[in-house]
């Protein structure tokens, strides 16, 4: 049932190692299975259920921004918006930090995260 072979592209993933380390995304075979087994309980439905409202809140902020942006009739770059919504959700759920990063880009932490992401891409 569990195969220790996977179709990961070594070149693409090796590029990420300096940034994210040798975690679940990078690992292969038995080591990957061991790490996956340790992480799985943390993502059980009952564990994540309390965070659904916080994630929905972040999603609503993003969708409200899109409603405003589409009135211009111009294309909308989704990557930045989805990245900020994801960061907003993580900040709320993991750190109980309401950064307003989707509406206030002047936050120094948010600017640092964006700078690091631009360096990696």
Foldseek 3Di string as FASTA:
>chain_A
DDDQDDDDDQVVLVLCCVPPNCALVNDTGPVNVVRCVVCVVCPDCVNCVVLPVVLVVLVVLLVVVVVVVCVVVDDDDVPVSVVQSVVQSCCCVVPVDRPVCNPDVPPPVNVVVVVVVVVSD
